[in-house]
Amino acid sequence: MKTKKTTEHFLPESSIGCQKKIVSISFGPKQCGKKVYIQAGLHADEAPGYLVATMLLEFLEQADARGDILGEIIVVPVANPIGLSQWSGDTIQGRFDCFDNINFNRN
């Protein structure tokens, strides 16, 4: 029995026509009392978590198809879409304030 559910959580628009969202993917029964929450990319410029979360989702989909998931598992593969969209050259800045040069990850 497949239990995978994808939910989109829309963030307030920063400007007209610029909508960002956080996507959460959940597996397993919600009523069992056991829950695991995993998120990647809170600091946006720390890329390995994106890869791990994506690979984890593949494993969870296989486990879900077999009925092996006994508790609720929620995965947020990109926890900071605003920071992920801020690039300078070929480097992710990770939630950088262009007005005062403050990186929100550090300050």
C-alpha atoms as a PDB file:
ATOM      1  CA  MET A   1       0.000   0.000   0.000  1.00  0.00           C
ATOM      2  CA  LYS A   2       1.515   3.300  -1.076  1.00  0.00           C
ATOM      3  CA  THR A   3       1.282   6.120   1.471  1.00  0.00           C
ATOM      4  CA  LYS A   4       3.455   8.762  -0.210  1.00  0.00           C
ATOM      5  CA  LYS A   5       1.969  12.251  -0.034  1.00  0.00           C
ATOM      6  CA  THR A   6       3.515  15.436  -1.440  1.00  0.00           C
ATOM      7  CA  THR A   7       2.523  18.780   0.071  1.00  0.00           C
ATOM      8  CA  GLU A   8       3.438  22.245  -1.212  1.00  0.00           C
ATOM      9  CA  HIS A   9       3.820  24.998   1.386  1.00  0.00           C
ATOM     10  CA  PHE A  10       3.779  28.355  -0.393  1.00  0.00           C
ATOM     11  CA  LEU A  11       5.890  31.188   1.015  1.00  0.00           C
ATOM     12  CA  PRO A  12       4.784  34.826   0.882  1.00  0.00           C
ATOM     13  CA  GLU A  13       5.573  36.432  -2.469  1.00  0.00           C
ATOM     14  CA  SER A  14       8.634  38.662  -2.395  1.00  0.00           C
ATOM     15  CA  SER A  15       7.411  40.399  -5.537  1.00  0.00           C
ATOM     16  CA  ILE A  16       4.531  40.033  -7.970  1.00  0.00           C
ATOM     17  CA  GLY A  17       4.870  36.798  -9.923  1.00  0.00           C
ATOM     18  CA  CYS A  18       7.708  35.440  -7.764  1.00  0.00           C
ATOM     19  CA  GLN A  19       6.280  32.565  -5.722  1.00  0.00           C
ATOM     20  CA  LYS A  20       8.525  30.161  -3.798  1.00  0.00           C
ATOM     21  CA  LYS A  21       7.423  27.015  -2.018  1.00  0.00           C
ATOM     22  CA  ILE A  22       8.725  24.363   0.313  1.00  0.00           C
ATOM     23  CA  VAL A  23       7.819  20.814  -0.669  1.00  0.00           C
ATOM     24  CA  SER A  24       7.414  18.107   1.948  1.00  0.00           C
ATOM     25  CA  ILE A  25       7.050  14.425   1.128  1.00  0.00           C
ATOM     26  CA  SER A  26       5.561  12.135   3.740  1.00  0.00           C
ATOM     27  CA  PHE A  27       5.358   8.361   3.987  1.00  0.00           C
ATOM     28  CA  GLY A  28       3.707   5.947   6.370  1.00  0.00           C
ATOM     29  CA  PRO A  29       0.786   6.056   8.770  1.00  0.00           C
ATOM     30  CA  LYS A  30       0.203   9.318  10.636  1.00  0.00           C
ATOM     31  CA  GLN A  31      -1.729   7.837  13.545  1.00  0.00           C
ATOM     32  CA  CYS A  32       0.920   5.443  14.842  1.00  0.00           C
ATOM     33  CA  GLY A  33       2.574   7.950  17.203  1.00  0.00           C
ATOM     34  CA  LYS A  34       6.062   7.594  15.715  1.00  0.00           C
ATOM     35  CA  LYS A  35       7.403  10.356  13.487  1.00  0.00           C
ATOM     36  CA  VAL A  36      10.716  11.277  11.877  1.00  0.00           C
ATOM     37  CA  TYR A  37      11.327  14.671  10.246  1.00  0.00           C
ATOM     38  CA  ILE A  38      14.322  15.126   7.938  1.00  0.00           C
ATOM     39  CA  GLN A  39      15.241  18.321   6.149  1.00  0.00           C
ATOM     40  CA  ALA A  40      18.105  19.295   3.864  1.00  0.00           C
ATOM     41  CA  GLY A  41      19.525  22.577   2.742  1.00  0.00           C
ATOM     42  CA  LEU A  42      18.514  24.837   5.599  1.00  0.00           C
ATOM     43  CA  HIS A  43      21.692  26.808   4.957  1.00  0.00           C
ATOM     44  CA  ALA A  44      21.168  26.490   1.170  1.00  0.00           C
ATOM     45  CA  ASP A  45      24.894  26.653   0.391  1.00  0.00           C
ATOM     46  CA  GLU A  46      25.550  23.252   1.980  1.00  0.00           C
ATOM     47  CA  ALA A  47      24.829  21.063  -1.036  1.00  0.00           C
ATOM     48  CA  PRO A  48      25.523  17.475   0.174  1.00  0.00           C
ATOM     49  CA  GLY A  49      22.208  17.351   2.036  1.00  0.00           C
ATOM     50  CA  TYR A  50      20.255  17.773  -1.201  1.00  0.00           C
ATOM     51  CA  LEU A  51      21.914  14.691  -2.658  1.00  0.00           C
ATOM     52  CA  VAL A  52      21.360  12.620   0.487  1.00  0.00           C
ATOM     53  CA  ALA A  53      17.691  13.663   0.738  1.00  0.00           C
ATOM     54  CA  THR A  54      17.077  12.809  -2.925  1.00  0.00           C
ATOM     55  CA  MET A  55      18.656   9.379  -2.521  1.00  0.00           C
ATOM     56  CA  LEU A  56      16.720   8.824   0.712  1.00  0.00           C
ATOM     57  CA  LEU A  57      13.454   9.582  -1.101  1.00  0.00           C
ATOM     58  CA  GLU A  58      14.247   6.865  -3.642  1.00  0.00           C
ATOM     59  CA  PHE A  59      14.810   4.324  -0.840  1.00  0.00           C
ATOM     60  CA  LEU A  60      11.643   5.441   0.965  1.00  0.00           C
ATOM     61  CA  GLU A  61       9.548   5.047  -2.192  1.00  0.00           C
ATOM     62  CA  GLN A  62      10.782   1.463  -2.522  1.00  0.00           C
ATOM     63  CA  ALA A  63      10.097   0.736   1.165  1.00  0.00           C
ATOM     64  CA  ASP A  64       6.663   2.341   0.863  1.00  0.00           C
ATOM     65  CA  ALA A  65       5.787   0.161  -2.131  1.00  0.00           C
ATOM     66  CA  ARG A  66       6.681  -2.922  -0.060  1.00  0.00           C
ATOM     67  CA  GLY A  67       4.679  -1.704   2.944  1.00  0.00           C
ATOM     68  CA  ASP A  68       7.786  -1.571   5.144  1.00  0.00           C
ATOM     69  CA  ILE A  69       7.256   1.882   6.653  1.00  0.00           C
ATOM     70  CA  LEU A  70       5.706   1.565  10.123  1.00  0.00           C
ATOM     71  CA  GLY A  71       5.820   5.197  11.278  1.00  0.00           C
ATOM     72  CA  GLU A  72       5.422   8.595   9.682  1.00  0.00           C
ATOM     73  CA  ILE A  73       8.469   9.931   7.820  1.00  0.00           C
ATOM     74  CA  ILE A  74       8.520  13.492   6.508  1.00  0.00           C
ATOM     75  CA  VAL A  75      11.298  14.653   4.190  1.00  0.00           C
ATOM     76  CA  VAL A  76      11.876  18.259   3.133  1.00  0.00           C
ATOM     77  CA  PRO A  77      14.610  18.014   0.481  1.00  0.00           C
ATOM     78  CA  VAL A  78      14.972  21.811   0.089  1.00  0.00           C
ATOM     79  CA  ALA A  79      14.278  23.665   3.336  1.00  0.00           C
ATOM     80  CA  ASN A  80      15.502  27.050   2.050  1.00  0.00           C
ATOM     81  CA  PRO A  81      14.360  27.690  -1.529  1.00  0.00           C
ATOM     82  CA  ILE A  82      15.066  31.423  -1.179  1.00  0.00           C
ATOM     83  CA  GLY A  83      18.714  30.799  -0.326  1.00  0.00           C
ATOM     84  CA  LEU A  84      19.018  28.150  -3.033  1.00  0.00           C
ATOM     85  CA  SER A  85      17.957  30.700  -5.643  1.00  0.00           C
ATOM     86  CA  GLN A  86      20.685  33.184  -4.671  1.00  0.00           C
ATOM     87  CA  TRP A  87      23.739  32.583  -6.824  1.00  0.00           C
ATOM     88  CA  SER A  88      26.811  34.671  -7.537  1.00  0.00           C
ATOM     89  CA  GLY A  89      28.737  33.351 -10.505  1.00  0.00           C
ATOM     90  CA  ASP A  90      28.741  29.601 -10.004  1.00  0.00           C
ATOM     91  CA  THR A  91      28.395  29.655  -6.205  1.00  0.00           C
ATOM     92  CA  ILE A  92      25.271  29.416  -4.071  1.00  0.00           C
ATOM     93  CA  GLN A  93      25.304  32.327  -1.624  1.00  0.00           C
ATOM     94  CA  GLY A  94      22.811  30.698   0.744  1.00  0.00           C
ATOM     95  CA  ARG A  95      20.390  33.501   1.783  1.00  0.00           C
ATOM     96  CA  PHE A  96      22.334  36.655   1.309  1.00  0.00           C
ATOM     97  CA  ASP A  97      20.986  40.165   1.865  1.00  0.00           C
ATOM     98  CA  CYS A  98      22.021  42.157  -1.202  1.00  0.00           C
ATOM     99  CA  PHE A  99      21.466  45.466   0.608  1.00  0.00           C
ATOM    100  CA  ASP A 100      23.859  45.098   3.547  1.00  0.00           C
ATOM    101  CA  ASN A 101      25.982  42.050   2.537  1.00  0.00           C
ATOM    102  CA  ILE A 102      24.799  39.927   5.493  1.00  0.00           C
ATOM    103  CA  ASN A 103      24.588  36.176   5.006  1.00  0.00           C
ATOM    104  CA  PHE A 104      21.552  35.080   7.008  1.00  0.00           C
ATOM    105  CA  ASN A 105      23.151  31.662   7.614  1.00  0.00           C
ATOM    106  CA  ARG A 106      25.907  33.237   9.686  1.00  0.00           C
ATOM    107  CA  ASN A 107      24.292  36.307  11.263  1.00  0.00           C
END
